[in-house]
Amino acid sequence: MDEALKQLAARKKMTISLDELSALFYKEGQTYEELATIILNLVNDSILQAVKSTGRTTRTPSVAYNYRIMKTVMKADHHGELHTYNQTFHNSIHLDAYYKLPADVFYKDLPFLKRLDTYIITNGLPKESVPAPERSAEIVGDEKWLDEKGGKELLERVQLWDLIKIIPVSDPLMMAVNPKTLQRAKQVHLIVENKTTYQALLAVLSDTIFSTLIYGCGNKIVKSIEQFDWQLPLPEVEHTFYYFGDIDKSGLTIWYSLHKKQQIKLAVPFYEACLKKQPFQGKLSQRKNEDATKSFLAELPQGAAIEKLLDAGFYYPQEILTSAELGSIWREWSWKVMNGKD
């Protein structure tokens, strides 16, 4: 019964037929009278409301052929259930996010929330950080739960991700370090998408106030950026990250995915220099991410013009700038960043 009600609450349609109700609540050996009683009880509880225009059965007790699902009533019941679990679970597990989510999200998460609650009550919150598969196995008995089966999203939903102390398992971050800048209270870092650009700028790093030059390796940077604080542990330092990638649909998506995980600014002077060149033509097969395009182009004055070029199949690779141009741009821009003129 409880499971059937959960499915009813999660149903997207606002109406349900008698046949569908029968399939939802039927149990082996159940009579018509027993099923009709369940439906009428739901009507009495204001969970279902008969659609009068579609008629009723002639059998006794009589039930309607179609019903409206009173979502507001079911939502109130669901919120009451959330309140009960809020009082029951360990006080570090916060269920607030579920009040705004469909009920089926909570019911899908509930078995894992119970295991999480048991884990914390038994062991307390972790004091040492361990790799995600190890912590995942400890909590739910499945080493892939955190990384591949929605565990990370669940922990973020209940505001526990940072408290569970997990070492991210991803490729190491590929970066060069400028030791002259590591004593600064505010440090800046440049991430570049491609290897050619990384190699060209590497020779200039020591001439800038940037602490690191990071090779993004395309889309890999979205995961490997998680390693930054482990590879360059500088407590109580304010970090600012800049990104320079290809001006194509893929490059925009990489920046956007990275930007959603961590505040990343565009390295605007490099992009502006690219836009002074003649674009290349091709890459028509790349998919456009509307959200990525909108966010990326909002950072550049020439946004509208760039979108037209991309839609027409044009693009600007990082390699459109020579090594000499890249070095000159970075040195000049570095001075502006240092003097707060960026």
Protein backbone atom coordinates (compact mmCIF):
# COMPACT_ATOMS: atom_id res chain seq x y z
CA MET A 1 0.00 0.00 0.00
CA ASP A 2 2.71 2.49 0.96
CA GLU A 3 4.67 1.72 -2.22
CA ALA A 4 1.52 2.17 -4.33
CA LEU A 5 0.88 5.56 -2.71
CA LYS A 6 4.44 6.61 -3.45
CA GLN A 7 3.93 5.71 -7.11
CA LEU A 8 0.66 7.60 -7.12
CA ALA A 9 2.37 10.69 -5.68
CA ALA A 10 5.16 10.45 -8.24
CA ARG A 11 2.77 10.15 -11.19
CA LYS A 12 3.12 13.06 -13.62
CA LYS A 13 -0.47 12.97 -14.90
CA MET A 14 -3.12 14.59 -12.70
CA THR A 15 -5.72 11.91 -13.50
CA ILE A 16 -5.74 8.13 -13.28
CA SER A 17 -8.15 5.55 -14.69
CA LEU A 18 -9.83 2.74 -12.75
CA ASP A 19 -7.79 0.20 -14.69
CA GLU A 20 -4.57 1.98 -13.71
CA LEU A 21 -5.67 2.14 -10.06
CA SER A 22 -6.48 -1.55 -10.17
CA ALA A 23 -3.01 -2.36 -11.50
CA LEU A 24 -1.41 -0.12 -8.88
CA PHE A 25 -3.22 -1.42 -5.79
CA TYR A 26 -4.11 -4.98 -6.81
CA LYS A 27 -2.79 -7.88 -4.74
CA GLU A 28 -3.13 -11.55 -5.64
CA GLY A 29 -6.46 -12.98 -4.58
CA GLN A 30 -8.00 -9.57 -4.00
CA THR A 31 -11.75 -9.22 -4.70
CA TYR A 32 -13.48 -6.35 -6.46
CA GLU A 33 -15.08 -5.31 -3.17
CA GLU A 34 -11.67 -5.10 -1.43
CA LEU A 35 -10.16 -3.04 -4.25
CA ALA A 36 -13.19 -0.74 -4.37
CA THR A 37 -12.90 -0.19 -0.60
CA ILE A 38 -9.25 0.91 -0.99
CA ILE A 39 -10.24 3.40 -3.69
CA LEU A 40 -13.16 4.76 -1.69
CA ASN A 41 -10.92 5.17 1.37
CA LEU A 42 -8.54 7.26 -0.77
CA VAL A 43 -11.53 9.36 -1.80
CA ASN A 44 -12.51 9.81 1.87
CA ASP A 45 -8.93 10.84 2.63
CA SER A 46 -9.18 13.48 -0.16
CA ILE A 47 -6.32 11.84 -2.06
CA LEU A 48 -8.60 10.95 -4.99
CA GLN A 49 -11.55 12.87 -6.43
CA ALA A 50 -13.98 11.21 -8.85
CA VAL A 51 -14.27 12.61 -12.39
CA LYS A 52 -18.08 12.64 -12.56
CA SER A 53 -18.34 13.14 -16.32
CA THR A 54 -16.81 9.72 -17.08
CA GLY A 55 -19.35 7.74 -15.07
CA ARG A 56 -19.21 4.99 -12.45
CA THR A 57 -19.40 1.22 -12.26
CA THR A 58 -22.77 -0.46 -11.63
CA ARG A 59 -21.27 -2.92 -9.15
CA THR A 60 -21.44 -2.48 -5.40
CA PRO A 61 -19.66 -0.59 -4.00
CA SER A 62 -19.67 1.71 -7.02
CA VAL A 63 -16.46 3.49 -8.03
CA ALA A 64 -15.71 6.03 -10.76
CA TYR A 65 -14.01 5.13 -14.02
CA ASN A 66 -11.55 8.03 -13.63
CA TYR A 67 -10.11 10.02 -10.71
CA ARG A 68 -8.18 13.21 -10.16
CA ILE A 69 -5.08 12.85 -7.98
CA MET A 70 -5.12 15.56 -5.31
CA LYS A 71 -1.42 16.37 -5.38
CA THR A 72 -1.71 19.14 -2.79
CA VAL A 73 -3.04 16.73 -0.18
CA MET A 74 -0.43 14.11 -1.04
CA LYS A 75 2.29 16.76 -0.89
CA ALA A 76 1.18 17.73 2.61
CA ASP A 77 1.35 14.07 3.64
CA HIS A 78 4.81 13.77 2.10
CA HIS A 79 6.02 16.89 3.96
CA GLY A 80 4.75 15.37 7.19
CA GLU A 81 6.77 12.24 6.44
CA LEU A 82 9.86 14.35 5.74
CA HIS A 83 9.38 16.11 9.06
CA THR A 84 9.24 12.74 10.83
CA TYR A 85 12.49 11.58 9.20
CA ASN A 86 14.10 14.94 10.01
CA GLN A 87 13.41 14.24 13.67
CA THR A 88 14.65 10.65 13.36
CA PHE A 89 17.85 10.94 11.34
CA HIS A 90 21.18 12.13 12.75
CA ASN A 91 21.19 15.93 13.01
CA SER A 92 23.96 16.24 10.40
CA ILE A 93 21.58 14.92 7.70
CA HIS A 94 19.50 17.83 6.37
CA LEU A 95 16.39 16.96 4.36
CA ASP A 96 15.39 20.54 3.47
CA ALA A 97 16.11 20.08 -0.26
CA TYR A 98 13.50 17.33 -0.56
CA TYR A 99 10.65 19.70 0.28
CA LYS A 100 11.17 21.29 -3.15
CA LEU A 101 11.78 18.06 -5.06
CA PRO A 102 9.31 15.47 -6.39
CA ALA A 103 8.43 12.87 -3.75
CA ASP A 104 9.90 10.04 -5.83
CA VAL A 105 13.39 11.56 -5.47
CA PHE A 106 13.15 11.18 -1.70
CA TYR A 107 11.77 7.65 -1.87
CA LYS A 108 14.54 6.65 -4.26
CA ASP A 109 17.15 8.11 -1.88
CA LEU A 110 15.53 6.81 1.31
CA PRO A 111 17.28 3.38 1.49
CA PHE A 112 20.65 5.13 1.15
CA LEU A 113 19.70 7.84 3.65
CA LYS A 114 18.93 5.10 6.18
CA ARG A 115 22.32 3.48 5.58
CA LEU A 116 23.99 6.86 5.86
CA ASP A 117 22.20 7.52 9.15
CA THR A 118 23.29 4.12 10.50
CA TYR A 119 26.88 4.74 9.39
CA ILE A 120 27.09 8.12 11.16
CA ILE A 121 25.39 6.90 14.35
CA THR A 122 27.73 3.88 14.47
CA ASN A 123 31.00 5.55 13.47
CA GLY A 124 30.49 9.29 13.90
CA LEU A 125 31.51 11.74 11.18
CA PRO A 126 34.87 10.78 9.64
CA LYS A 127 38.03 12.44 10.94
CA GLU A 128 40.34 11.35 8.11
CA SER A 129 39.88 11.70 4.36
CA VAL A 130 39.88 8.54 2.22
CA PRO A 131 39.30 7.85 -1.51
CA ALA A 132 35.70 7.86 -2.68
CA PRO A 133 35.44 4.09 -3.41
CA GLU A 134 36.62 3.27 0.13
CA ARG A 135 34.13 5.63 1.79
CA SER A 136 31.39 4.46 -0.56
CA ALA A 137 31.94 0.84 0.43
CA GLU A 138 31.88 1.81 4.13
CA ILE A 139 28.56 3.63 3.88
CA VAL A 140 26.44 1.51 1.53
CA GLY A 141 28.53 -1.56 0.70
CA ASP A 142 29.04 -0.49 -2.92
CA GLU A 143 32.38 1.04 -3.92
CA LYS A 144 30.85 2.68 -7.03
CA TRP A 145 27.93 4.38 -5.29
CA LEU A 146 29.58 7.78 -4.74
CA ASP A 147 31.24 8.20 -8.13
CA GLU A 148 28.88 6.39 -10.48
CA LYS A 149 25.49 5.82 -8.86
CA GLY A 150 24.38 9.20 -7.54
CA GLY A 151 25.94 9.03 -4.08
CA LYS A 152 27.82 12.31 -4.43
CA GLU A 153 24.63 14.12 -5.48
CA LEU A 154 22.75 12.66 -2.51
CA LEU A 155 25.44 13.78 -0.05
CA GLU A 156 25.40 17.27 -1.55
CA ARG A 157 21.60 17.30 -1.28
CA VAL A 158 21.72 16.59 2.46
CA GLN A 159 24.69 18.97 3.00
CA LEU A 160 27.12 16.19 3.97
CA TRP A 161 29.57 16.05 1.08
CA ASP A 162 32.27 18.13 2.79
CA LEU A 163 31.76 16.44 6.17
CA ILE A 164 32.17 12.90 4.82
CA LYS A 165 35.83 13.74 3.95
CA ILE A 166 36.48 12.19 0.56
CA ILE A 167 39.66 12.35 -1.48
CA PRO A 168 38.55 12.78 -5.10
CA VAL A 169 39.67 9.95 -7.38
CA SER A 170 40.56 11.54 -10.70
CA ASP A 171 43.55 12.07 -12.93
CA PRO A 172 46.27 14.23 -11.33
CA LEU A 173 46.14 17.91 -12.22
CA MET A 174 48.85 18.69 -14.77
CA MET A 175 50.41 22.01 -13.85
CA ALA A 176 53.61 24.02 -13.64
CA VAL A 177 54.32 26.12 -10.55
CA ASN A 178 55.87 29.57 -10.28
CA PRO A 179 57.69 29.40 -6.89
CA LYS A 180 58.27 33.18 -6.76
CA THR A 181 54.55 33.79 -6.13
CA LEU A 182 53.72 31.14 -3.54
CA GLN A 183 54.08 33.49 -0.55
CA ARG A 184 51.32 35.79 -1.76
CA ALA A 185 48.03 35.92 0.14
CA LYS A 186 46.17 36.20 -3.18
CA GLN A 187 47.19 33.90 -6.01
CA VAL A 188 46.06 33.61 -9.60
CA HIS A 189 46.13 30.59 -11.88
CA LEU A 190 45.71 30.12 -15.63
CA ILE A 191 44.10 27.00 -17.10
CA VAL A 192 44.53 26.36 -20.84
CA GLU A 193 42.65 23.74 -22.81
CA ASN A 194 45.32 22.48 -25.21
CA LYS A 195 48.87 21.14 -24.92
CA THR A 196 50.34 23.41 -27.63
CA THR A 197 49.19 26.53 -25.80
CA TYR A 198 50.44 25.13 -22.49
CA GLN A 199 53.92 24.52 -23.93
CA ALA A 200 54.03 27.99 -25.49
CA LEU A 201 53.09 29.72 -22.23
CA LEU A 202 55.29 27.57 -20.01
CA ALA A 203 58.39 29.58 -20.94
CA VAL A 204 56.64 32.78 -19.83
CA LEU A 205 55.24 31.61 -16.48
CA SER A 206 58.16 32.95 -14.41
CA ASP A 207 57.68 36.39 -16.03
CA THR A 208 54.15 36.66 -14.66
CA ILE A 209 52.52 36.96 -11.25
CA PHE A 210 50.57 33.75 -11.90
CA SER A 211 51.27 30.95 -9.43
CA THR A 212 50.46 28.09 -11.79
CA LEU A 213 49.91 27.27 -15.42
CA ILE A 214 47.48 24.35 -15.64
CA TYR A 215 47.04 22.07 -18.64
CA GLY A 216 43.35 21.27 -18.86
CA CYS A 217 43.67 18.42 -21.36
CA GLY A 218 40.26 19.15 -22.84
CA ASN A 219 37.36 17.91 -20.77
CA LYS A 220 39.59 16.13 -18.21
CA ILE A 221 40.01 19.39 -16.27
CA VAL A 222 36.40 19.17 -15.06
CA LYS A 223 37.39 16.23 -12.80
CA SER A 224 41.10 16.86 -12.27
CA ILE A 225 40.52 20.37 -10.83
CA GLU A 226 39.30 18.50 -7.72
CA GLN A 227 42.94 17.63 -7.04
CA PHE A 228 44.13 21.24 -6.87
CA ASP A 229 44.02 21.70 -3.09
CA TRP A 230 45.67 18.31 -2.57
CA GLN A 231 48.51 19.02 -4.99
CA LEU A 232 49.08 22.62 -3.94
CA PRO A 233 48.04 22.80 -0.26
CA LEU A 234 48.19 26.47 0.65
CA PRO A 235 45.80 27.14 3.54
CA GLU A 236 44.36 30.62 4.07
CA VAL A 237 45.25 31.68 0.52
CA GLU A 238 42.71 33.30 -1.82
CA HIS A 239 42.82 31.67 -5.26
CA THR A 240 41.51 33.11 -8.53
CA PHE A 241 41.32 30.90 -11.62
CA TYR A 242 41.25 32.02 -15.25
CA TYR A 243 40.48 29.83 -18.26
CA PHE A 244 41.51 30.01 -21.92
CA GLY A 245 40.18 27.46 -24.38
CA ASP A 246 39.06 27.08 -27.97
CA ILE A 247 36.22 29.31 -29.11
CA ASP A 248 34.04 26.49 -30.37
CA LYS A 249 30.96 24.71 -29.03
CA SER A 250 33.06 22.09 -27.25
CA GLY A 251 35.37 24.69 -25.69
CA LEU A 252 32.39 26.65 -24.36
CA THR A 253 30.91 23.51 -22.82
CA ILE A 254 34.20 22.58 -21.09
CA TRP A 255 34.45 26.04 -19.52
CA TYR A 256 30.81 25.95 -18.43
CA SER A 257 31.13 22.50 -16.82
CA LEU A 258 34.23 23.70 -14.98
CA HIS A 259 32.59 27.00 -14.01
CA LYS A 260 29.67 25.15 -12.40
CA LYS A 261 32.09 23.29 -10.12
CA GLN A 262 34.34 26.19 -9.22
CA GLN A 263 34.33 29.92 -9.91
CA ILE A 264 36.43 30.26 -13.07
CA LYS A 265 36.86 33.53 -14.93
CA LEU A 266 37.58 33.83 -18.63
CA ALA A 267 41.08 34.94 -19.60
CA VAL A 268 39.52 37.69 -21.70
CA PRO A 269 42.70 39.17 -23.28
CA PHE A 270 43.51 35.85 -24.97
CA TYR A 271 39.98 35.50 -26.33
CA GLU A 272 39.94 39.09 -27.59
CA ALA A 273 43.22 38.45 -29.41
CA CYS A 274 41.74 35.37 -31.09
CA LEU A 275 38.71 37.34 -32.27
CA LYS A 276 40.97 39.76 -34.17
CA LYS A 277 42.02 36.86 -36.42
CA GLN A 278 40.15 35.23 -39.29
CA PRO A 279 38.14 32.29 -37.91
CA PHE A 280 38.57 28.73 -39.15
CA GLN A 281 35.66 26.84 -40.69
CA GLY A 282 34.51 23.34 -39.72
CA LYS A 283 33.38 21.38 -36.63
CA LEU A 284 29.77 21.39 -37.80
CA SER A 285 29.13 18.17 -35.91
CA GLN A 286 29.72 19.69 -32.45
CA ARG A 287 26.60 19.97 -30.29
CA LYS A 288 25.54 23.34 -28.97
CA ASN A 289 24.92 23.67 -25.24
CA GLU A 290 22.53 26.61 -24.90
CA ASP A 291 23.30 27.28 -21.22
CA ALA A 292 27.05 27.09 -21.81
CA THR A 293 26.83 29.42 -24.82
CA LYS A 294 24.73 31.98 -22.96
CA SER A 295 27.00 32.03 -19.89
CA PHE A 296 30.24 32.10 -21.87
CA LEU A 297 29.23 34.83 -24.31
CA ALA A 298 27.88 37.02 -21.50
CA GLU A 299 31.51 37.40 -20.38
CA LEU A 300 32.64 38.85 -23.73
CA PRO A 301 31.57 42.16 -25.34
CA GLN A 302 31.37 40.51 -28.79
CA GLY A 303 29.02 37.77 -27.55
CA ALA A 304 26.23 38.11 -30.13
CA ALA A 305 28.65 38.17 -33.07
CA ILE A 306 30.53 35.13 -31.75
CA GLU A 307 27.33 33.09 -31.47
CA LYS A 308 26.47 33.81 -35.11
CA LEU A 309 29.91 32.65 -36.21
CA LEU A 310 29.69 29.45 -34.16
CA ASP A 311 26.20 28.67 -35.50
CA ALA A 312 27.56 29.12 -39.02
CA GLY A 313 30.30 26.54 -38.39
CA PHE A 314 33.23 28.90 -37.72
CA TYR A 315 35.55 28.61 -34.73
CA TYR A 316 38.80 29.91 -33.21
CA PRO A 317 41.32 27.33 -31.96
CA GLN A 318 43.83 28.41 -29.30
CA GLU A 319 46.57 27.67 -31.82
CA ILE A 320 45.43 30.65 -33.90
CA LEU A 321 47.75 32.69 -31.65
CA THR A 322 51.49 32.24 -32.10
CA SER A 323 53.84 31.50 -29.21
CA ALA A 324 55.17 35.06 -29.39
CA GLU A 325 51.65 36.52 -29.30
CA LEU A 326 50.66 34.31 -26.36
CA GLY A 327 53.73 35.35 -24.37
CA SER A 328 53.26 39.03 -25.06
CA ILE A 329 49.57 38.93 -24.09
CA TRP A 330 50.26 37.08 -20.85
CA ARG A 331 53.07 39.41 -19.74
CA GLU A 332 50.99 42.54 -20.37
CA TRP A 333 47.84 41.10 -18.82
CA SER A 334 49.78 39.85 -15.79
CA TRP A 335 50.85 43.41 -15.02
CA LYS A 336 47.21 44.55 -15.15
CA VAL A 337 46.12 41.72 -12.86
CA MET A 338 48.87 42.59 -10.38
CA ASN A 339 47.78 46.24 -10.33
CA GLY A 340 44.07 45.45 -10.08
CA LYS A 341 43.31 46.72 -13.59
CA ASP A 342 41.96 43.44 -14.98
